[in-house]
Protein backbone atom coordinates (compact mmCIF):
# COMPACT_ATOMS: atom_id res chain seq x y z
CA MET A 1 176.52 54.96 -65.38
CA GLN A 2 180.34 54.02 -64.75
CA PRO A 3 181.22 50.87 -64.07
CA GLU A 4 183.47 51.35 -60.68
CA GLN A 5 179.71 53.21 -59.71
CA VAL A 6 178.01 49.74 -60.31
CA LYS A 7 180.53 48.03 -58.84
CA ASN A 8 180.27 49.74 -55.48
CA ARG A 9 176.70 49.62 -55.20
CA LEU A 10 176.84 45.43 -56.24
CA ALA A 11 179.56 45.15 -52.94
CA ALA A 12 177.27 47.38 -50.79
CA CYS A 13 174.93 44.33 -51.55
CA ASN A 14 176.73 41.84 -51.03
CA ILE A 15 176.59 41.00 -55.01
CA PRO A 16 179.79 39.59 -56.21
CA CYS A 17 181.11 41.84 -59.33
CA ASP A 18 184.14 42.47 -61.15
CA ASP A 19 185.49 44.15 -63.94
CA VAL A 20 183.59 42.76 -66.84
CA LEU A 21 180.02 42.09 -65.36
CA ALA A 22 179.77 46.25 -64.96
CA ALA A 23 181.01 47.21 -67.95
CA ARG A 24 178.28 44.95 -69.84
CA ILE A 25 175.58 46.17 -67.38
CA VAL A 26 176.94 49.91 -68.20
CA ARG A 27 176.81 49.46 -71.55
CA TYR A 28 172.97 46.94 -71.11
CA HIS A 29 171.87 50.72 -69.01
CA GLU A 30 173.58 52.72 -71.94
CA MET A 31 171.14 51.28 -74.52
CA LEU A 32 168.21 50.72 -71.84
CA LEU A 33 167.96 54.20 -72.10
CA ASP A 34 168.75 55.04 -75.99
CA TRP A 35 165.69 52.88 -77.00
CA ASN A 36 163.77 53.85 -74.15
CA THR A 37 163.14 57.09 -76.27
CA ARG A 38 161.39 55.15 -79.31
CA MET A 39 158.94 52.83 -77.18
CA ASP A 40 157.91 51.64 -73.45
CA LEU A 41 160.74 49.69 -71.56
CA THR A 42 160.69 51.57 -68.24
CA ASN A 43 159.60 53.80 -66.70
CA VAL A 44 162.31 54.51 -63.92
CA THR A 45 164.53 56.55 -66.00
CA ASP A 46 166.62 58.12 -62.59
CA GLU A 47 170.16 56.70 -62.71
CA ALA A 48 170.31 55.84 -59.25
CA GLU A 49 167.14 54.61 -59.13
CA MET A 50 167.55 52.32 -62.33
CA LEU A 51 170.92 50.80 -60.64
CA ASP A 52 168.98 49.20 -57.35
CA ARG A 53 165.71 48.94 -59.10
CA HIS A 54 166.93 47.18 -62.02
CA TYR A 55 169.89 45.96 -62.05
CA VAL A 56 170.66 45.26 -57.68
CA ASP A 57 167.34 43.98 -57.58
CA SER A 58 167.89 41.64 -60.27
CA LEU A 59 170.50 40.33 -58.89
CA VAL A 60 170.00 39.90 -55.30
CA VAL A 61 169.40 36.48 -56.11
CA LEU A 62 173.46 36.41 -56.20
CA SER A 63 173.33 37.34 -52.57
CA LYS A 64 171.32 34.36 -51.23
CA PRO A 65 173.28 31.00 -51.60
CA GLY A 66 171.27 28.27 -53.14
CA LEU A 67 168.34 29.78 -55.38
CA LEU A 68 170.35 29.82 -58.55
CA PRO A 69 171.25 26.03 -60.61
CA GLU A 70 174.86 25.80 -60.93
CA ASP A 71 174.69 25.32 -64.65
CA GLY A 72 171.58 24.19 -66.69
CA LYS A 73 168.72 25.69 -68.27
CA VAL A 74 167.31 29.41 -67.02
CA ILE A 75 163.41 30.58 -68.77
CA ASP A 76 163.05 34.91 -68.10
CA VAL A 77 158.75 34.52 -68.26
CA GLY A 78 157.44 38.00 -69.50
CA THR A 79 160.99 38.95 -69.44
CA GLY A 80 160.26 42.98 -70.63
CA ALA A 81 163.36 44.55 -71.08
CA GLY A 82 165.40 41.90 -69.90
CA LEU A 83 164.46 42.25 -66.15
CA PRO A 84 165.78 40.20 -63.91
CA GLY A 85 166.90 37.68 -66.96
CA MET A 86 169.18 39.90 -69.19
CA VAL A 87 170.69 41.06 -66.08
CA LEU A 88 171.48 37.50 -64.62
CA ALA A 89 172.89 36.39 -67.55
CA LEU A 90 175.39 38.59 -67.90
CA ALA A 91 176.42 38.12 -64.34
CA CYS A 92 176.22 34.34 -64.93
CA PRO A 93 177.45 33.11 -67.96
CA HIS A 94 177.65 29.09 -67.00
CA LEU A 95 174.03 29.17 -67.06
CA SER A 96 171.77 29.09 -70.57
CA PHE A 97 168.97 31.80 -70.55
CA THR A 98 165.64 31.76 -72.91
CA LEU A 99 164.09 35.44 -72.20
CA MET A 100 160.24 34.74 -73.45
CA ASP A 101 158.08 37.92 -73.95
CA ALA A 102 154.52 37.87 -75.99
CA GLN A 103 155.73 41.48 -77.84
CA GLN A 104 157.71 41.25 -80.48
CA LYS A 105 159.64 44.88 -79.86
CA ARG A 106 160.76 44.32 -76.92
CA LEU A 107 162.54 41.36 -78.35
CA ASN A 108 164.15 43.87 -80.86
CA PHE A 109 165.87 45.16 -78.22
CA LEU A 110 166.95 42.85 -76.44
CA GLN A 111 168.34 40.54 -79.41
CA ALA A 112 170.30 44.29 -80.09
CA VAL A 113 172.00 44.21 -76.47
CA ILE A 114 172.89 40.43 -77.16
CA ASP A 115 174.61 41.18 -80.61
CA ASP A 116 176.05 44.43 -79.30
CA LEU A 117 177.68 42.14 -75.93
CA HIS A 118 178.59 38.78 -78.34
CA LEU A 119 176.51 37.36 -76.00
CA THR A 120 176.65 33.18 -76.03
CA ASN A 121 174.59 31.90 -73.65
CA VAL A 122 170.69 34.20 -74.08
CA THR A 123 168.06 33.00 -77.01
CA LEU A 124 164.83 34.83 -77.66
CA LEU A 125 161.24 33.04 -77.54
CA HIS A 126 158.73 35.21 -78.74
CA SER A 127 155.35 33.24 -76.64
CA ARG A 128 152.66 33.57 -74.99
CA ALA A 129 154.02 31.76 -70.90
CA GLU A 130 150.63 29.72 -71.65
CA ASP A 131 151.16 28.58 -75.17
CA ALA A 132 154.81 27.89 -74.07
CA GLY A 133 153.47 25.94 -71.41
CA ARG A 134 152.38 23.40 -73.96
CA GLN A 135 154.83 23.56 -76.04
CA ALA A 136 157.37 19.75 -76.45
CA ASP A 137 160.82 22.18 -76.97
CA CYS A 138 159.46 24.20 -73.66
CA ARG A 139 156.73 21.89 -71.41
CA GLU A 140 158.93 21.07 -68.37
CA GLN A 141 162.70 21.49 -70.27
CA PHE A 142 164.22 24.27 -67.86
CA ASP A 143 166.08 23.55 -64.22
CA LEU A 144 164.83 27.52 -63.50
CA ALA A 145 162.25 29.54 -64.62
CA VAL A 146 162.52 33.42 -63.12
CA ALA A 147 160.15 36.18 -63.10
CA ARG A 148 159.34 40.06 -62.28
CA ALA A 149 156.50 41.92 -61.64
CA VAL A 150 154.77 39.90 -63.90
CA ALA A 151 151.42 38.90 -62.58
CA PRO A 152 149.73 37.49 -58.89
CA LEU A 153 151.54 34.54 -57.38
CA SER A 154 148.61 31.95 -58.80
CA VAL A 155 148.92 33.63 -62.16
CA LEU A 156 152.70 33.02 -62.42
CA ALA A 157 152.04 29.40 -60.99
CA GLU A 158 150.62 28.24 -63.76
CA TYR A 159 152.78 30.48 -66.45
CA MET A 160 155.70 29.03 -64.94
CA LEU A 161 155.69 25.75 -63.56
CA PRO A 162 154.21 23.93 -66.42
CA LEU A 163 157.64 24.93 -68.05
CA VAL A 164 160.07 23.98 -65.38
CA LYS A 165 161.69 19.83 -64.98
CA VAL A 166 160.63 17.88 -61.88
CA GLY A 167 163.15 18.99 -59.51
CA GLY A 168 163.35 22.46 -60.47
CA SER A 169 161.86 25.82 -59.46
CA ALA A 170 160.13 28.67 -60.44
CA LEU A 171 161.30 32.35 -58.59
CA CYS A 172 158.83 35.18 -58.37
CA TRP A 173 160.36 39.16 -57.48
CA LYS A 174 157.23 39.92 -55.65
CA GLY A 175 156.76 43.50 -53.35
CA PRO A 176 154.62 43.61 -50.07
CA ALA A 177 151.45 42.67 -51.98
CA LEU A 178 152.51 38.52 -51.99
CA LEU A 179 152.00 38.00 -48.28
CA ASP A 180 148.33 38.27 -49.61
CA GLU A 181 149.00 35.87 -52.10
CA MET A 182 149.84 33.33 -50.40
CA GLY A 183 147.04 31.01 -49.84
CA GLU A 184 145.93 31.48 -53.33
CA GLY A 185 149.10 30.85 -54.87
CA ARG A 186 149.83 27.31 -52.47
CA ARG A 187 146.69 25.96 -54.07
CA ALA A 188 147.35 26.99 -57.02
CA ALA A 189 150.69 26.11 -56.92
CA PHE A 190 149.84 22.63 -55.93
CA LEU A 191 147.38 22.35 -58.80
CA VAL A 192 150.39 22.36 -61.68
CA GLY A 193 152.63 20.64 -59.59
CA GLY A 194 154.63 22.19 -57.39
CA LYS A 195 155.42 23.73 -53.85
CA VAL A 196 155.69 27.19 -52.21
CA GLY A 197 158.66 28.10 -50.77
CA GLU A 198 158.82 31.03 -47.36
CA PRO A 199 159.27 34.63 -48.55
CA VAL A 200 162.73 35.65 -49.06
CA PRO A 201 163.46 39.10 -47.37
CA CYS A 202 165.93 40.71 -49.66
CA ALA A 203 166.79 43.82 -48.27
CA ILE A 204 168.10 46.89 -50.53
CA PRO A 205 170.22 48.99 -48.24
CA GLY A 206 168.31 52.41 -48.40
CA ARG A 207 166.02 51.63 -49.48
CA ASP A 208 162.62 51.15 -48.03
CA TRP A 209 161.24 48.69 -50.66
CA GLN A 210 160.06 45.86 -49.58
CA HIS A 211 161.44 43.22 -51.34
CA MET A 212 160.90 39.43 -51.65
CA LEU A 213 162.41 36.34 -53.42
CA LEU A 214 159.59 33.31 -53.50
CA GLU A 215 160.66 30.11 -54.84
CA MET A 216 158.31 27.40 -55.80
CA LYS A 217 159.83 23.73 -56.37
CA LYS A 218 158.34 21.83 -59.01
CA THR A 219 157.29 18.13 -56.88
CA MET A 220 155.14 16.52 -59.95
CA HIS A 221 154.34 16.48 -63.58
CA THR A 222 152.40 19.31 -64.38
CA PRO A 223 148.65 17.79 -65.52
CA LYS A 224 148.05 17.59 -69.00
CA MET A 225 144.82 20.35 -69.09
CA TYR A 226 147.53 23.31 -67.54
CA PRO A 227 148.04 25.71 -68.42
CA ARG A 228 144.62 26.47 -69.79
CA LYS A 229 144.42 28.54 -72.93
CA ALA A 230 145.78 31.89 -73.31
CA GLY A 231 144.37 34.89 -71.03
CA VAL A 232 142.33 32.26 -68.94
CA PRO A 233 144.67 32.55 -66.09
CA GLY A 234 144.91 36.04 -65.89
CA LYS A 235 140.70 36.42 -65.97
CA LYS A 236 139.74 33.07 -63.87
CA PRO A 237 143.52 32.67 -61.50
CA LEU A 238 143.99 28.79 -59.96
CA GLY A 239 143.51 29.10 -56.64
CA THR A 240 140.34 31.22 -56.35
CA LYS A 241 137.92 29.99 -53.75
CA LEU A 242 135.21 30.63 -55.07
CA GLU A 243 131.25 30.69 -53.63
CA GLY A 244 130.32 28.08 -51.63
CA GLY A 245 134.21 26.93 -50.51
CA LEU A 246 134.81 25.19 -54.19
CA THR A 247 138.45 26.35 -55.32
CA CYS A 248 138.96 27.28 -58.86
CA ALA A 249 140.94 24.28 -60.53
CA SER A 250 140.02 23.43 -63.84
CA SER A 251 137.83 26.75 -65.55
CA LYS A 252 138.28 26.95 -69.40
C-alpha cells in the first residue's frame, strides 16, 4: 500500500487526508500485517479491502460534520487492533484518545504503533468496559466514546454511556443489523442516561456495504447501579422485552 493510494481513496470518499496522515496509515498498515502473522488481529488481509474496511470506514466520520468534538477526550471501547480509535488518533492529533481492550496482547501491538509513530495523543487501558465504567478516573470522564463491531446496541449502551460526560456522546459503527437493534437500544440507552439518535448512512463508493453511524447523546448521569458487573450486560442486555411485557433493567 502506498501513501498516494491512501490519499486518492480517502479523497474519493470525501475524507480529508494530507501527506502526513497517508504516510502514518501506510506505516500502521505495515505493522498490522506484520503482527497479524503472529497473533489474530484481523481476518481481512486483501489490501484493497483493508483500505476500505479498516481505514476508510474508521475515518468516514470525518465526512459527517458534527459527530466528533472539536477538542477533548475520546475512548475507544473494545479497540482490538485499533479500529477505529488508532486510525482516528492518526487523523485527529487535536484529540486525546484512550484505546481500551480486555486483551493485553492487542495493547502490546498498539503500544508498538505508538512507539514507532511517536504518538503523543494516545494512551492505552487494559480493562473490560464494565470495570472501567465504575472506576473514578474513567466514569463520565470522556467527551466521546466510540466502538466498532463490538456488540448489539443494547449492550453497547451499557458499555459506553457510563464512560461519557453529560453533554457528550457515544458513537457506534454498525451494519444493517442496527435496524433490528434500535428498539432495545433506545430502552437500554434511556436506562443508563442516554438518548439514541437516528442512524447516519455511510456509503463507501464501490462497495455495497450497509454501514451506518449511530450517535447516543448522554443526557443524564448514569445511575450508580450501571454498568453491571463484567459479563452481565452481554448475557442479560438492558432494554430486552421479558415475558409479560416487562423490561430488563436491573438484572445482576
